PDB file of N, CA and C in Angstrom:
ATOM      1  N   MET A   1      59.657 118.298  66.864  1.00  0.00           N
ATOM      2  CA  MET A   1      59.413 119.058  67.697  1.00  0.00           C
ATOM      3  C   MET A   1      60.637 119.865  68.346  1.00  0.00           C
ATOM      4  N   PRO A   2      60.575 121.182  68.483  1.00  0.00           N
ATOM      5  CA  PRO A   2      61.778 121.897  68.841  1.00  0.00           C
ATOM      6  C   PRO A   2      61.932 121.987  70.363  1.00  0.00           C
ATOM      7  N   LEU A   3      63.086 122.010  70.580  1.00  0.00           N
ATOM      8  CA  LEU A   3      63.780 122.009  71.914  1.00  0.00           C
ATOM      9  C   LEU A   3      64.347 123.446  72.043  1.00  0.00           C
ATOM     10  N   TYR A   4      63.694 124.056  73.102  1.00  0.00           N
ATOM     11  CA  TYR A   4      63.972 125.636  73.286  1.00  0.00           C
ATOM     12  C   TYR A   4      64.805 125.738  74.554  1.00  0.00           C
ATOM     13  N   GLU A   5      65.802 126.661  74.469  1.00  0.00           N
ATOM     14  CA  GLU A   5      66.633 126.955  75.610  1.00  0.00           C
ATOM     15  C   GLU A   5      66.029 128.093  76.371  1.00  0.00           C
ATOM     16  N   TYR A   6      66.017 128.180  77.699  1.00  0.00           N
ATOM     17  CA  TYR A   6      65.512 129.286  78.580  1.00  0.00           C
ATOM     18  C   TYR A   6      66.314 129.658  79.589  1.00  0.00           C
ATOM     19  N   ARG A   7      66.499 130.908  79.958  1.00  0.00           N
ATOM     20  CA  ARG A   7      67.067 131.233  81.287  1.00  0.00           C
ATOM     21  C   ARG A   7      66.077 132.040  82.088  1.00  0.00           C
ATOM     22  N   CYS A   8      65.783 131.712  83.585  1.00  0.00           N
ATOM     23  CA  CYS A   8      65.044 132.266  84.500  1.00  0.00           C
ATOM     24  C   CYS A   8      65.629 133.528  84.772  1.00  0.00           C
ATOM     25  N   ARG A   9      64.533 134.622  85.046  1.00  0.00           N
ATOM     26  CA  ARG A   9      64.913 136.007  85.284  1.00  0.00           C
ATOM     27  C   ARG A   9      64.982 136.017  86.724  1.00  0.00           C
ATOM     28  N   HIS A  10      64.545 135.112  87.481  1.00  0.00           N
ATOM     29  CA  HIS A  10      64.427 135.241  88.946  1.00  0.00           C
ATOM     30  C   HIS A  10      65.704 134.492  89.441  1.00  0.00           C
ATOM     31  N   CYS A  11      66.054 133.330  89.123  1.00  0.00           N
ATOM     32  CA  CYS A  11      67.334 132.793  89.711  1.00  0.00           C
ATOM     33  C   CYS A  11      68.289 132.640  88.708  1.00  0.00           C
ATOM     34  N   GLY A  12      68.276 132.949  87.450  1.00  0.00           N
ATOM     35  CA  GLY A  12      69.232 132.770  86.502  1.00  0.00           C
ATOM     36  C   GLY A  12      69.721 131.475  86.006  1.00  0.00           C
ATOM     37  N   SER A  13      69.002 130.440  86.453  1.00  0.00           N
ATOM     38  CA  SER A  13      69.287 128.961  85.885  1.00  0.00           C
ATOM     39  C   SER A  13      68.700 128.780  84.328  1.00  0.00           C
ATOM     40  N   GLU A  14      69.653 128.184  83.723  1.00  0.00           N
ATOM     41  CA  GLU A  14      69.298 127.943  82.441  1.00  0.00           C
ATOM     42  C   GLU A  14      68.801 126.320  82.043  1.00  0.00           C
ATOM     43  N   PHE A  15      67.880 126.136  81.189  1.00  0.00           N
ATOM     44  CA  PHE A  15      67.385 124.819  81.074  1.00  0.00           C
ATOM     45  C   PHE A  15      66.851 124.457  79.517  1.00  0.00           C
ATOM     46  N   GLU A  16      66.435 123.560  79.349  1.00  0.00           N
ATOM     47  CA  GLU A  16      65.927 123.290  77.903  1.00  0.00           C
ATOM     48  C   GLU A  16      64.469 122.670  77.904  1.00  0.00           C
ATOM     49  N   CYS A  17      63.615 122.914  77.097  1.00  0.00           N
ATOM     50  CA  CYS A  17      62.357 122.564  76.991  1.00  0.00           C
ATOM     51  C   CYS A  17      61.819 122.150  76.000  1.00  0.00           C
ATOM     52  N   LEU A  18      61.168 120.974  75.898  1.00  0.00           N
ATOM     53  CA  LEU A  18      60.495 120.300  74.416  1.00  0.00           C
ATOM     54  C   LEU A  18      59.250 121.008  74.281  1.00  0.00           C
ATOM     55  N   MET A  19      58.969 121.733  73.417  1.00  0.00           N
ATOM     56  CA  MET A  19      57.579 122.410  73.172  1.00  0.00           C
ATOM     57  C   MET A  19      57.000 121.578  72.056  1.00  0.00           C
ATOM     58  N   LEU A  20      55.840 121.198  72.284  1.00  0.00           N
ATOM     59  CA  LEU A  20      54.868 120.476  71.483  1.00  0.00           C
ATOM     60  C   LEU A  20      54.191 121.389  70.512  1.00  0.00           C
ATOM     61  N   SER A  21      54.092 122.418  70.865  1.00  0.00           N
ATOM     62  CA  SER A  21      53.486 123.515  70.163  1.00  0.00           C
ATOM     63  C   SER A  21      53.706 124.997  70.221  1.00  0.00           C
ATOM     64  N   PRO A  22      54.050 125.602  69.238  1.00  0.00           N
ATOM     65  CA  PRO A  22      54.318 126.955  69.396  1.00  0.00           C
ATOM     66  C   PRO A  22      53.697 127.936  70.073  1.00  0.00           C
ATOM     67  N   ASN A  23      52.081 127.322  70.355  1.00  0.00           N
ATOM     68  CA  ASN A  23      51.198 128.330  71.265  1.00  0.00           C
ATOM     69  C   ASN A  23      51.341 127.958  72.554  1.00  0.00           C
ATOM     70  N   GLU A  24      52.103 126.950  73.161  1.00  0.00           N
ATOM     71  CA  GLU A  24      52.504 126.668  74.545  1.00  0.00           C
ATOM     72  C   GLU A  24      52.818 127.941  75.060  1.00  0.00           C
ATOM     73  N   PRO A  25      52.327 128.153  76.422  1.00  0.00           N
ATOM     74  CA  PRO A  25      52.824 129.399  77.012  1.00  0.00           C
ATOM     75  C   PRO A  25      54.286 128.950  77.564  1.00  0.00           C
ATOM     76  N   ASP A  26      55.287 129.985  77.862  1.00  0.00           N
ATOM     77  CA  ASP A  26      56.656 129.467  78.399  1.00  0.00           C
ATOM     78  C   ASP A  26      56.520 128.668  79.544  1.00  0.00           C
ATOM     79  N   PRO A  27      57.451 127.858  79.835  1.00  0.00           N
ATOM     80  CA  PRO A  27      57.536 126.918  80.859  1.00  0.00           C
ATOM     81  C   PRO A  27      57.765 127.734  82.277  1.00  0.00           C
ATOM     82  N   GLU A  28      57.526 127.105  83.353  1.00  0.00           N
ATOM     83  CA  GLU A  28      58.112 127.877  84.557  1.00  0.00           C
ATOM     84  C   GLU A  28      59.483 127.043  84.969  1.00  0.00           C
ATOM     85  N   CYS A  29      60.142 127.859  85.587  1.00  0.00           N
ATOM     86  CA  CYS A  29      61.721 127.542  85.938  1.00  0.00           C
ATOM     87  C   CYS A  29      61.713 126.068  86.603  1.00  0.00           C
ATOM     88  N   PRO A  30      62.580 124.973  86.288  1.00  0.00           N
ATOM     89  CA  PRO A  30      62.522 123.858  87.267  1.00  0.00           C
ATOM     90  C   PRO A  30      63.047 124.119  88.274  1.00  0.00           C
ATOM     91  N   CYS A  31      63.891 125.016  88.709  1.00  0.00           N
ATOM     92  CA  CYS A  31      64.652 125.167  89.754  1.00  0.00           C
ATOM     93  C   CYS A  31      63.842 125.843  91.008  1.00  0.00           C
ATOM     94  N   CYS A  32      63.469 127.265  90.611  1.00  0.00           N
ATOM     95  CA  CYS A  32      62.664 128.158  91.573  1.00  0.00           C
ATOM     96  C   CYS A  32      61.129 127.930  91.203  1.00  0.00           C
ATOM     97  N   HIS A  33      60.673 127.118  90.436  1.00  0.00           N
ATOM     98  CA  HIS A  33      59.178 127.123  89.937  1.00  0.00           C
ATOM     99  C   HIS A  33      58.477 128.326  89.751  1.00  0.00           C
ATOM    100  N   LYS A  34      59.161 129.396  89.089  1.00  0.00           N
ATOM    101  CA  LYS A  34      58.467 130.699  89.099  1.00  0.00           C
ATOM    102  C   LYS A  34      58.340 130.809  87.505  1.00  0.00           C
ATOM    103  N   LYS A  35      57.256 131.747  87.098  1.00  0.00           N
ATOM    104  CA  LYS A  35      57.089 132.011  85.559  1.00  0.00           C
ATOM    105  C   LYS A  35      58.138 133.258  85.444  1.00  0.00           C
ATOM    106  N   GLY A  36      58.373 133.492  84.252  1.00  0.00           N
ATOM    107  CA  GLY A  36      59.193 134.766  84.001  1.00  0.00           C
ATOM    108  C   GLY A  36      60.527 134.150  83.323  1.00  0.00           C
ATOM    109  N   VAL A  37      60.564 133.560  82.218  1.00  0.00           N
ATOM    110  CA  VAL A  37      61.828 132.957  81.658  1.00  0.00           C
ATOM    111  C   VAL A  37      61.878 133.707  80.332  1.00  0.00           C
ATOM    112  N   GLU A  38      63.348 133.760  79.972  1.00  0.00           N
ATOM    113  CA  GLU A  38      63.313 134.106  78.451  1.00  0.00           C
ATOM    114  C   GLU A  38      63.913 133.093  77.534  1.00  0.00           C
ATOM    115  N   LYS A  39      63.557 133.134  76.572  1.00  0.00           N
ATOM    116  CA  LYS A  39      63.891 132.241  75.666  1.00  0.00           C
ATOM    117  C   LYS A  39      65.238 132.645  74.831  1.00  0.00           C
ATOM    118  N   LEU A  40      66.278 131.703  74.814  1.00  0.00           N
ATOM    119  CA  LEU A  40      67.681 132.001  74.414  1.00  0.00           C
ATOM    120  C   LEU A  40      67.769 131.452  72.997  1.00  0.00           C
ATOM    121  N   ILE A  41      68.838 132.105  72.314  1.00  0.00           N
ATOM    122  CA  ILE A  41      69.090 131.596  70.902  1.00  0.00           C
ATOM    123  C   ILE A  41      70.000 130.367  71.080  1.00  0.00           C
ATOM    124  N   SER A  42      69.673 129.271  70.492  1.00  0.00           N
ATOM    125  CA  SER A  42      70.406 128.116  70.741  1.00  0.00           C
ATOM    126  C   SER A  42      71.495 128.181  69.896  1.00  0.00           C
ATOM    127  N   ALA A  43      72.629 127.683  69.991  1.00  0.00           N
ATOM    128  CA  ALA A  43      73.756 127.528  69.279  1.00  0.00           C
ATOM    129  C   ALA A  43      73.620 126.759  68.047  1.00  0.00           C
ATOM    130  N   GLY A  44      72.772 125.752  68.283  1.00  0.00           N
ATOM    131  CA  GLY A  44      72.268 124.547  67.189  1.00  0.00           C
ATOM    132  C   GLY A  44      71.633 125.559  66.043  1.00  0.00           C
ATOM    133  N   SER A  45      70.935 126.533  66.466  1.00  0.00           N
ATOM    134  CA  SER A  45      70.068 127.269  65.445  1.00  0.00           C
ATOM    135  C   SER A  45      70.968 128.330  64.757  1.00  0.00           C
ATOM    136  N   VAL A  46      72.164 128.526  65.028  1.00  0.00           N
ATOM    137  CA  VAL A  46      73.007 129.444  64.494  1.00  0.00           C
ATOM    138  C   VAL A  46      74.131 128.663  63.439  1.00  0.00           C
ATOM    139  N   ARG A  47      74.123 129.112  62.208  1.00  0.00           N
ATOM    140  CA  ARG A  47      74.837 128.544  61.101  1.00  0.00           C
ATOM    141  C   ARG A  47      75.909 129.317  60.730  1.00  0.00           C
ATOM    142  N   PRO A  48      77.146 129.042  61.070  1.00  0.00           N
ATOM    143  CA  PRO A  48      78.121 129.906  60.732  1.00  0.00           C
ATOM    144  C   PRO A  48      78.416 129.697  59.148  1.00  0.00           C
ATOM    145  N   HIS A  49      79.069 130.986  58.405  1.00  0.00           N
ATOM    146  CA  HIS A  49      79.266 131.031  57.238  1.00  0.00           C
ATOM    147  C   HIS A  49      80.600 130.815  57.030  1.00  0.00           C
ATOM    148  N   GLY A  50      80.963 129.686  56.381  1.00  0.00           N
ATOM    149  CA  GLY A  50      82.402 129.369  56.346  1.00  0.00           C
ATOM    150  C   GLY A  50      82.535 127.869  55.741  1.00  0.00           C
ATOM    151  N   ILE A  51      83.664 127.340  56.182  1.00  0.00           N
ATOM    152  CA  ILE A  51      83.963 125.958  55.601  1.00  0.00           C
ATOM    153  C   ILE A  51      84.405 125.150  56.646  1.00  0.00           C
ATOM    154  N   ALA A  52      83.638 124.027  56.875  1.00  0.00           N
ATOM    155  CA  ALA A  52      84.108 123.167  58.033  1.00  0.00           C
ATOM    156  C   ALA A  52      85.287 122.430  57.821  1.00  0.00           C
ATOM    157  N   THR A  53      86.206 122.475  58.794  1.00  0.00           N
ATOM    158  CA  THR A  53      87.508 121.978  58.758  1.00  0.00           C
ATOM    159  C   THR A  53      87.463 120.525  59.021  1.00  0.00           C
ATOM    160  N   GLY A  54      86.542 119.826  59.596  1.00  0.00           N
ATOM    161  CA  GLY A  54      86.315 118.419  60.022  1.00  0.00           C
ATOM    162  C   GLY A  54      86.813 118.184  61.246  1.00  0.00           C
ATOM    163  N   ALA A  55      87.530 119.161  62.053  1.00  0.00           N
ATOM    164  CA  ALA A  55      88.215 119.059  63.237  1.00  0.00           C
ATOM    165  C   ALA A  55      87.373 119.720  64.356  1.00  0.00           C
ATOM    166  N   GLY A  56      86.111 119.850  64.037  1.00  0.00           N
ATOM    167  CA  GLY A  56      85.076 120.668  64.983  1.00  0.00           C
ATOM    168  C   GLY A  56      85.124 122.039  64.788  1.00  0.00           C
ATOM    169  N   GLY A  57      86.011 122.535  63.962  1.00  0.00           N
ATOM    170  CA  GLY A  57      85.988 124.068  63.683  1.00  0.00           C
ATOM    171  C   GLY A  57      85.726 124.525  62.425  1.00  0.00           C
ATOM    172  N   PHE A  58      85.918 125.789  62.005  1.00  0.00           N
ATOM    173  CA  PHE A  58      85.442 126.125  60.685  1.00  0.00           C
ATOM    174  C   PHE A  58      86.437 127.423  60.271  1.00  0.00           C
ATOM    175  N   LYS A  59      86.632 127.310  59.058  1.00  0.00           N
ATOM    176  CA  LYS A  59      87.714 128.345  58.501  1.00  0.00           C
ATOM    177  C   LYS A  59      86.774 129.440  57.810  1.00  0.00           C
ATOM    178  N   PRO A  60      86.968 130.675  58.092  1.00  0.00           N
ATOM    179  CA  PRO A  60      86.299 131.804  57.402  1.00  0.00           C
ATOM    180  C   PRO A  60      86.332 131.738  55.892  1.00  0.00           C
ATOM    181  N   PRO A  61      85.285 132.173  55.163  1.00  0.00           N
ATOM    182  CA  PRO A  61      85.446 132.128  53.701  1.00  0.00           C
ATOM    183  C   PRO A  61      86.622 133.026  53.255  1.00  0.00           C
ATOM    184  N   ALA A  62      87.322 132.935  52.059  1.00  0.00           N
ATOM    185  CA  ALA A  62      88.118 133.844  51.658  1.00  0.00           C
ATOM    186  C   ALA A  62      87.515 134.947  51.267  1.00  0.00           C
ATOM    187  N   CYS A  63      88.165 136.309  51.232  1.00  0.00           N
ATOM    188  CA  CYS A  63      87.452 137.604  50.884  1.00  0.00           C
ATOM    189  C   CYS A  63      87.852 137.584  49.589  1.00  0.00           C
ATOM    190  N   ALA A  64      87.008 138.080  48.797  1.00  0.00           N
ATOM    191  CA  ALA A  64      87.048 138.485  47.308  1.00  0.00           C
ATOM    192  C   ALA A  64      87.687 139.908  47.319  1.00  0.00           C
ATOM    193  N   PRO A  65      88.772 140.211  46.635  1.00  0.00           N
ATOM    194  CA  PRO A  65      89.172 141.667  46.558  1.00  0.00           C
ATOM    195  C   PRO A  65      88.264 142.487  45.903  1.00  0.00           C
ATOM    196  N   THR A  66      88.104 143.871  46.377  1.00  0.00           N
ATOM    197  CA  THR A  66      87.289 144.640  45.788  1.00  0.00           C
ATOM    198  C   THR A  66      87.986 145.491  44.904  1.00  0.00           C
ATOM    199  N   GLY A  67      87.474 145.945  43.802  1.00  0.00           N
ATOM    200  CA  GLY A  67      88.229 146.815  42.760  1.00  0.00           C
ATOM    201  C   GLY A  67      88.064 148.017  43.227  1.00  0.00           C
ATOM    202  N   GLY A  68      88.914 148.605  44.179  1.00  0.00           N
ATOM    203  CA  GLY A  68      89.005 150.074  44.442  1.00  0.00           C
ATOM    204  C   GLY A  68      90.123 150.796  44.483  1.00  0.00           C
TER     205      GLY A  68
END
């Protein structure tokens, strides 16, 4: 079950919501209780291209020289 991140367009608060179905309507803001939230791109859904360093960071891949 995916966990989505949202930002309220009214008060600006950010929150997470577990959605049981992709057909569910967007939730209301838990702070101001208004509809009108935008879905954010979660950092967990973005995968960097590179090599993990083991210290919580990552090193970009080495660039291959172009024959120019």
